[in-house]
Amino acid sequence: MLVSSPDPVIDANLAIALDALLAEHSVTRAAARLHTSPAAMSRTLARLRRILQDPLLVRAGQSMVPTPRAQALREEAAAVVRSLGALLSPGASVDPASLSSTFTLQAADLVGAVLAPGLLQEAQREAPGVSFRILAEELEAGPALRDGRIDLEIGSIDHVDPETRIEELVSLRMVAAVRPGHPLTEGPLTPARLAAAPHVAVSRRGRFTGPLDTALAERNLHRRVGIVLPSHLAAMTLAARSDIVCLVPAALPGAAPSSLTHDAVALGLHLLDIPLALPPLTIGMAWHPRHTADGAHHWLRNAVRRTLCAPTAASGTSAADATDPEQIHEVPGLAGSPGTSLVHFA
């Protein structure tokens, strides 16, 4: 007599065992198929009989034959096992051409100005259904990444949330950018001459001071910052139209030119090595770990890497042509300071 269980327990192993039993019509062969013992498979068959209230397999001479209910369940059980296999398998790689997504990134305007054409080019080549939304650095990145308001933060990562994944992309140095014919382009640039010139600072928090001020203070020097702007592009435009000195990122000595210097060069600014040891600027990207294994987000991170790390220039020019070497005035004996300090543009 079959007894109905008042609270049957259903698990994936039962579906797998049912599929094997209905395929093999034998407890012994089903056990071998699932690498278990005949006794364990016999107990599982008894459990399935109680749950389904059907014998499923009955003796017919030396073999076992399925009941009508078992025959009706055969294809359904096989389909369930196939679905379980797909569900519990590693995610298949994503075909970028099939993506139809909008990614939201947060970056400073200078980084965004480089990302925009680069990412659009990547999408046009590989993922035409992808769109991008680039936000200014207005959201607190940790919570915004956590709750999904942004997919990726790119820039100088200054928060260290335990769950945030951070990858360093490129290390840069800061150089002084001035208009053609600026007094600082005539003769050697000394810390005293640099401090005496008028400056613009870039800070989204309105800060007047930064690493340069610290380095100058060690020599009892002080620069005058006449204005603080939240935008690097605005600061560079101001420098191109006045005697204001603006700090911009550039590649470390010996490295390929950085795409983050393109806008300064396009404005005609001359880039001067700063005769002080400043901490390097590390540009990285941060994301929430729930996206680490996601195929679409993986494509996005690779696209950002290719855009910011590849030694290529805008407008189809080569990396060697991106920055005119005559526009960078080297100071003998100066080299980028080692380290991985994360600092703001300032």
Protein backbone atom coordinates (compact mmCIF):
# COMPACT_ATOMS: atom_id res chain seq x y z
CA MET A 1 0.00 0.00 0.00
CA LEU A 2 1.33 3.43 -0.95
CA VAL A 3 1.37 6.00 1.82
CA SER A 4 1.35 9.71 1.06
CA SER A 5 3.94 11.71 2.94
CA PRO A 6 2.34 14.70 4.73
CA ASP A 7 5.34 16.91 3.96
CA PRO A 8 7.35 15.50 1.05
CA VAL A 9 10.86 16.83 0.64
CA ILE A 10 11.79 17.61 -2.97
CA ASP A 11 15.40 18.10 -3.97
CA ALA A 12 17.40 18.13 -7.18
CA ASN A 13 18.88 14.71 -6.45
CA LEU A 14 15.41 13.16 -6.62
CA ALA A 15 14.86 14.52 -10.12
CA ILE A 16 18.26 13.22 -11.24
CA ALA A 17 17.58 9.79 -9.72
CA LEU A 18 14.11 9.66 -11.31
CA ASP A 19 15.59 10.43 -14.71
CA ALA A 20 18.19 7.66 -14.32
CA LEU A 21 15.64 5.09 -13.13
CA LEU A 22 13.22 5.83 -15.96
CA ALA A 23 16.01 5.72 -18.52
CA GLU A 24 17.60 2.48 -17.28
CA HIS A 25 14.51 0.53 -16.02
CA SER A 26 16.91 -0.94 -13.47
CA VAL A 27 17.94 0.01 -9.95
CA THR A 28 21.39 -1.51 -10.48
CA ARG A 29 22.08 0.27 -13.78
CA ALA A 30 20.68 3.57 -12.46
CA ALA A 31 22.99 3.29 -9.44
CA ALA A 32 25.99 2.69 -11.69
CA ARG A 33 25.02 5.65 -13.87
CA LEU A 34 24.98 7.96 -10.84
CA HIS A 35 28.03 6.38 -9.16
CA THR A 36 26.13 5.23 -6.10
CA SER A 37 25.23 1.88 -4.57
CA PRO A 38 22.18 -0.23 -5.55
CA ALA A 39 21.02 -0.09 -1.93
CA ALA A 40 21.08 3.72 -1.93
CA MET A 41 19.26 3.82 -5.28
CA SER A 42 16.67 1.37 -3.96
CA ARG A 43 16.00 3.68 -1.01
CA THR A 44 15.67 6.64 -3.40
CA LEU A 45 13.19 4.70 -5.52
CA ALA A 46 11.14 3.97 -2.41
CA ARG A 47 11.16 7.66 -1.54
CA LEU A 48 10.04 8.62 -5.07
CA ARG A 49 7.21 6.08 -4.86
CA ARG A 50 5.97 7.65 -1.64
CA ILE A 51 6.14 11.18 -3.02
CA LEU A 52 4.56 10.42 -6.41
CA GLN A 53 2.15 7.81 -5.06
CA ASP A 54 3.00 5.49 -7.92
CA PRO A 55 5.18 2.32 -8.13
CA LEU A 56 7.04 3.82 -11.15
CA LEU A 57 8.89 0.54 -11.91
CA VAL A 58 7.34 -2.90 -11.40
CA ARG A 59 8.75 -6.39 -11.78
CA ALA A 60 8.03 -8.20 -15.07
CA GLY A 61 9.92 -11.50 -15.06
CA GLN A 62 13.65 -10.79 -14.82
CA SER A 63 13.27 -7.09 -15.61
CA MET A 64 11.36 -4.03 -14.50
CA VAL A 65 8.90 -2.04 -16.61
CA PRO A 66 7.59 1.52 -16.14
CA THR A 67 4.07 2.27 -15.09
CA PRO A 68 1.92 4.58 -17.24
CA ARG A 69 2.70 7.41 -14.82
CA ALA A 70 6.41 6.72 -15.20
CA GLN A 71 6.13 6.72 -18.97
CA ALA A 72 4.34 10.07 -18.82
CA LEU A 73 7.10 11.51 -16.61
CA ARG A 74 10.00 10.24 -18.74
CA GLU A 75 10.52 13.27 -21.02
CA GLU A 76 9.64 15.77 -18.30
CA ALA A 77 12.20 14.26 -15.93
CA ALA A 78 14.89 14.37 -18.62
CA ALA A 79 14.05 18.00 -19.40
CA VAL A 80 14.28 18.94 -15.71
CA VAL A 81 17.73 17.33 -15.44
CA ARG A 82 18.91 19.17 -18.55
CA SER A 83 17.64 22.45 -17.08
CA LEU A 84 19.38 21.72 -13.78
CA GLY A 85 22.60 21.05 -15.65
CA ALA A 86 22.34 24.36 -17.45
CA LEU A 87 21.37 26.18 -14.25
CA LEU A 88 24.30 24.82 -12.25
CA SER A 89 26.94 25.16 -14.97
CA PRO A 90 29.35 28.09 -15.20
CA GLY A 91 27.89 30.96 -17.20
CA ALA A 92 28.63 30.84 -20.87
CA SER A 93 30.79 33.59 -22.28
CA VAL A 94 28.79 36.54 -23.53
CA ASP A 95 28.77 37.47 -27.19
CA PRO A 96 29.26 41.26 -27.12
CA ALA A 97 27.29 41.57 -30.37
CA SER A 98 24.21 40.25 -28.54
CA LEU A 99 24.38 42.76 -25.68
CA SER A 100 21.65 45.36 -25.31
CA SER A 101 22.68 47.25 -22.19
CA THR A 102 23.28 50.73 -20.81
CA PHE A 103 26.29 50.97 -18.52
CA THR A 104 26.57 53.81 -16.01
CA LEU A 105 30.10 54.95 -15.16
CA GLN A 106 31.35 57.64 -12.81
CA ALA A 107 34.53 59.52 -13.72
CA ALA A 108 36.18 62.93 -13.60
CA ASP A 109 35.61 64.99 -16.74
CA LEU A 110 39.17 64.50 -18.00
CA VAL A 111 38.85 60.72 -17.67
CA GLY A 112 35.36 60.85 -19.17
CA ALA A 113 36.64 62.82 -22.14
CA VAL A 114 39.02 59.95 -22.92
CA LEU A 115 36.56 57.19 -22.10
CA ALA A 116 33.72 58.52 -24.27
CA PRO A 117 35.35 58.20 -27.72
CA GLY A 118 37.23 55.06 -26.73
CA LEU A 119 34.20 53.22 -25.39
CA LEU A 120 32.04 54.29 -28.32
CA GLN A 121 34.68 52.90 -30.67
CA GLU A 122 34.80 49.64 -28.71
CA ALA A 123 31.01 49.36 -28.80
CA GLN A 124 30.80 50.14 -32.49
CA ARG A 125 33.34 47.43 -33.23
CA GLU A 126 32.09 44.71 -30.85
CA ALA A 127 28.81 45.60 -29.11
CA PRO A 128 26.60 47.93 -31.17
CA GLY A 129 23.67 47.46 -28.77
CA VAL A 130 25.57 48.95 -25.81
CA SER A 131 25.13 52.54 -24.59
CA PHE A 132 27.03 54.45 -21.91
CA ARG A 133 26.04 57.01 -19.29
CA ILE A 134 29.04 58.82 -17.78
CA LEU A 135 28.31 60.73 -14.57
CA ALA A 136 30.44 63.38 -12.90
CA GLU A 137 32.00 62.51 -9.56
CA GLU A 138 28.89 63.47 -7.64
CA LEU A 139 27.89 60.20 -5.94
CA GLU A 140 29.61 58.54 -3.01
CA ALA A 141 31.06 55.67 -4.98
CA GLY A 142 30.89 52.89 -2.36
CA PRO A 143 27.13 53.02 -1.77
CA ALA A 144 26.43 53.86 -5.43
CA LEU A 145 28.30 50.74 -6.57
CA ARG A 146 26.60 48.67 -3.89
CA ASP A 147 23.05 49.68 -4.79
CA GLY A 148 23.61 49.61 -8.55
CA ARG A 149 23.36 53.31 -9.34
CA ILE A 150 26.72 53.05 -11.08
CA ASP A 151 28.32 50.00 -12.68
CA LEU A 152 31.91 51.18 -12.61
CA GLU A 153 33.93 54.00 -11.07
CA ILE A 154 37.05 55.10 -12.95
CA GLY A 155 39.61 57.54 -11.61
CA SER A 156 41.65 58.05 -8.48
CA ILE A 157 39.96 55.61 -6.10
CA ASP A 158 40.09 57.10 -2.62
CA HIS A 159 37.57 54.91 -0.80
CA VAL A 160 38.33 51.45 0.51
CA ASP A 161 35.05 49.62 1.12
CA PRO A 162 35.75 46.00 2.12
CA GLU A 163 33.55 44.55 -0.59
CA THR A 164 34.63 46.83 -3.45
CA ARG A 165 36.90 45.33 -6.10
CA ILE A 166 39.61 47.75 -7.26
CA GLU A 167 41.99 47.33 -10.18
CA GLU A 168 44.81 49.74 -10.90
CA LEU A 169 44.98 50.67 -14.57
CA VAL A 170 47.80 53.18 -15.03
CA SER A 171 50.20 55.26 -12.95
CA LEU A 172 50.88 58.83 -14.02
CA ARG A 173 52.78 61.91 -12.86
CA MET A 174 51.57 65.49 -12.66
CA VAL A 175 53.10 68.15 -14.93
CA ALA A 176 52.55 71.88 -15.18
CA ALA A 177 50.58 73.03 -18.24
CA VAL A 178 50.97 76.59 -19.51
CA ARG A 179 50.09 78.52 -22.67
CA PRO A 180 52.65 79.00 -25.46
CA GLY A 181 54.96 81.89 -24.68
CA HIS A 182 54.31 81.67 -20.94
CA PRO A 183 57.19 83.11 -18.86
CA LEU A 184 57.79 79.67 -17.29
CA THR A 185 58.76 78.27 -20.70
CA GLU A 186 61.78 80.59 -20.79
CA GLY A 187 64.73 79.31 -18.82
CA PRO A 188 64.97 76.51 -16.25
CA LEU A 189 61.87 75.86 -14.18
CA THR A 190 62.70 76.04 -10.48
CA PRO A 191 60.41 75.43 -7.49
CA ALA A 192 60.59 79.14 -6.67
CA ARG A 193 59.52 80.20 -10.18
CA LEU A 194 56.72 77.65 -10.16
CA ALA A 195 55.47 78.87 -6.78
CA ALA A 196 55.56 82.51 -7.90
CA ALA A 197 53.23 81.90 -10.87
CA PRO A 198 49.44 82.11 -10.51
CA HIS A 199 47.70 78.73 -10.29
CA VAL A 200 44.33 77.12 -10.78
CA ALA A 201 43.43 74.08 -8.67
CA VAL A 202 40.99 71.36 -9.66
CA SER A 203 38.91 69.85 -6.89
CA ARG A 204 35.30 68.72 -6.82
CA ARG A 205 35.35 69.41 -3.06
CA GLY A 206 36.66 72.95 -3.49
CA ARG A 207 40.10 72.28 -1.98
CA PHE A 208 42.82 74.89 -2.59
CA THR A 209 45.75 72.66 -1.64
CA GLY A 210 47.19 69.34 -2.75
CA PRO A 211 50.44 67.35 -3.01
CA LEU A 212 52.20 70.19 -4.84
CA ASP A 213 51.59 72.54 -1.91
CA THR A 214 53.04 69.96 0.48
CA ALA A 215 56.17 69.60 -1.65
CA LEU A 216 56.57 73.39 -1.90
CA ALA A 217 56.08 73.82 1.85
CA GLU A 218 59.05 71.51 2.46
CA ARG A 219 61.14 74.21 0.73
CA ASN A 220 59.40 77.04 2.60
CA LEU A 221 57.58 78.01 -0.59
CA HIS A 222 53.90 78.79 -1.11
CA ARG A 223 51.94 79.11 -4.33
CA ARG A 224 48.93 81.31 -4.84
CA VAL A 225 45.83 79.52 -6.12
CA GLY A 226 43.57 82.20 -7.52
CA ILE A 227 40.66 79.93 -8.37
CA VAL A 228 39.44 76.40 -7.75
CA LEU A 229 37.43 74.69 -10.48
CA PRO A 230 35.61 71.34 -10.42
CA SER A 231 36.57 70.58 -14.03
CA HIS A 232 39.97 69.69 -15.44
CA LEU A 233 38.91 70.69 -18.94
CA ALA A 234 37.78 74.11 -17.70
CA ALA A 235 41.08 74.57 -15.85
CA MET A 236 43.09 73.68 -18.96
CA THR A 237 41.01 76.08 -21.06
CA LEU A 238 41.72 78.82 -18.52
CA ALA A 239 45.45 78.05 -18.66
CA ALA A 240 45.39 78.21 -22.46
CA ARG A 241 43.92 81.74 -22.31
CA SER A 242 45.93 83.27 -19.45
CA ASP A 243 49.13 83.04 -17.44
CA ILE A 244 47.48 80.59 -15.02
CA VAL A 245 49.36 77.35 -14.38
CA CYS A 246 47.31 74.15 -14.44
CA LEU A 247 48.40 70.67 -13.36
CA VAL A 248 47.60 67.81 -15.73
CA PRO A 249 48.46 64.09 -15.69
CA ALA A 250 51.11 62.73 -18.01
CA ALA A 251 52.89 59.43 -18.53
CA LEU A 252 55.75 58.43 -16.26
CA PRO A 253 59.24 58.90 -17.73
CA GLY A 254 59.95 56.21 -20.30
CA ALA A 255 56.31 55.14 -20.60
CA ALA A 256 54.11 55.51 -23.66
CA PRO A 257 52.22 58.83 -23.87
CA SER A 258 49.01 58.88 -21.86
CA SER A 259 45.66 59.48 -23.51
CA LEU A 260 44.80 61.69 -20.52
CA THR A 261 47.22 64.30 -21.90
CA HIS A 262 45.53 64.57 -25.32
CA ASP A 263 43.19 67.42 -24.39
CA ALA A 264 46.01 69.52 -22.96
CA VAL A 265 48.01 69.03 -26.17
CA ALA A 266 44.96 69.80 -28.29
CA LEU A 267 44.61 73.14 -26.46
CA GLY A 268 48.20 73.95 -27.37
CA LEU A 269 49.45 73.83 -23.79
CA HIS A 270 53.12 73.30 -23.09
CA LEU A 271 53.80 70.59 -20.51
CA LEU A 272 56.60 71.29 -18.03
CA ASP A 273 58.19 68.80 -15.71
CA ILE A 274 57.75 69.83 -12.09
CA PRO A 275 61.14 69.98 -10.33
CA LEU A 276 59.76 68.41 -7.17
CA ALA A 277 59.14 64.84 -6.05
CA LEU A 278 55.38 64.38 -6.14
CA PRO A 279 53.46 61.16 -5.44
CA PRO A 280 52.28 59.39 -8.58
CA LEU A 281 48.63 59.49 -9.58
CA THR A 282 47.09 56.05 -9.92
CA ILE A 283 44.03 55.70 -12.12
CA GLY A 284 41.96 52.62 -11.37
CA MET A 285 38.49 51.23 -11.67
CA ALA A 286 36.18 49.96 -8.93
CA TRP A 287 33.10 47.75 -9.08
CA HIS A 288 30.87 45.70 -6.79
CA PRO A 289 31.83 42.00 -6.61
CA ARG A 290 28.39 40.88 -7.76
CA HIS A 291 29.48 41.95 -11.25
CA THR A 292 32.84 40.16 -11.26
CA ALA A 293 31.63 37.03 -13.07
CA ASP A 294 29.00 38.80 -15.18
CA GLY A 295 29.86 38.48 -18.87
CA ALA A 296 28.52 41.90 -19.87
CA HIS A 297 30.38 43.66 -17.06
CA HIS A 298 33.52 41.70 -17.94
CA TRP A 299 33.30 43.10 -21.47
CA LEU A 300 32.88 46.61 -20.04
CA ARG A 301 35.98 46.29 -17.85
CA ASN A 302 38.01 45.01 -20.79
CA ALA A 303 36.79 47.92 -22.92
CA VAL A 304 37.91 50.38 -20.23
CA ARG A 305 41.30 48.69 -19.99
CA ARG A 306 41.80 48.91 -23.73
CA THR A 307 40.73 52.57 -23.75
CA LEU A 308 42.89 53.82 -20.88
CA CYS A 309 45.85 51.46 -21.02
CA ALA A 310 46.52 51.08 -24.73
CA PRO A 311 49.18 53.48 -26.01
CA THR A 312 46.93 54.95 -28.69
CA ALA A 313 45.88 58.48 -29.47
CA ALA A 314 42.65 60.12 -30.51
CA SER A 315 41.79 61.07 -34.08
CA GLY A 316 43.62 58.10 -35.55
CA THR A 317 47.13 59.31 -34.67
CA SER A 318 49.73 56.96 -33.30
CA ALA A 319 50.90 56.98 -29.71
CA ALA A 320 54.23 58.44 -30.80
CA ASP A 321 52.44 61.36 -32.45
CA ALA A 322 49.94 61.92 -29.62
CA THR A 323 52.21 64.16 -27.62
CA ASP A 324 54.78 66.36 -29.32
CA PRO A 325 58.05 65.62 -27.49
CA GLU A 326 59.06 69.24 -28.03
CA GLN A 327 56.15 70.31 -25.83
CA ILE A 328 57.44 68.46 -22.77
CA HIS A 329 60.44 70.26 -21.30
CA GLU A 330 62.48 67.77 -19.29
CA VAL A 331 64.19 68.82 -16.07
CA PRO A 332 67.52 66.98 -15.77
CA GLY A 333 67.69 64.44 -12.99
CA LEU A 334 63.93 64.38 -12.35
CA ALA A 335 62.16 61.04 -12.37
CA GLY A 336 58.76 59.85 -11.24
CA SER A 337 58.67 58.84 -7.59
CA PRO A 338 57.91 55.17 -6.99
CA GLY A 339 54.84 54.14 -5.05
CA THR A 340 51.11 53.59 -5.43
CA SER A 341 49.64 56.57 -3.58
CA LEU A 342 46.09 57.37 -4.60
CA VAL A 343 45.72 61.14 -4.86
CA HIS A 344 43.27 63.60 -6.32
CA PHE A 345 44.02 65.96 -9.16
CA ALA A 346 44.95 69.17 -7.36
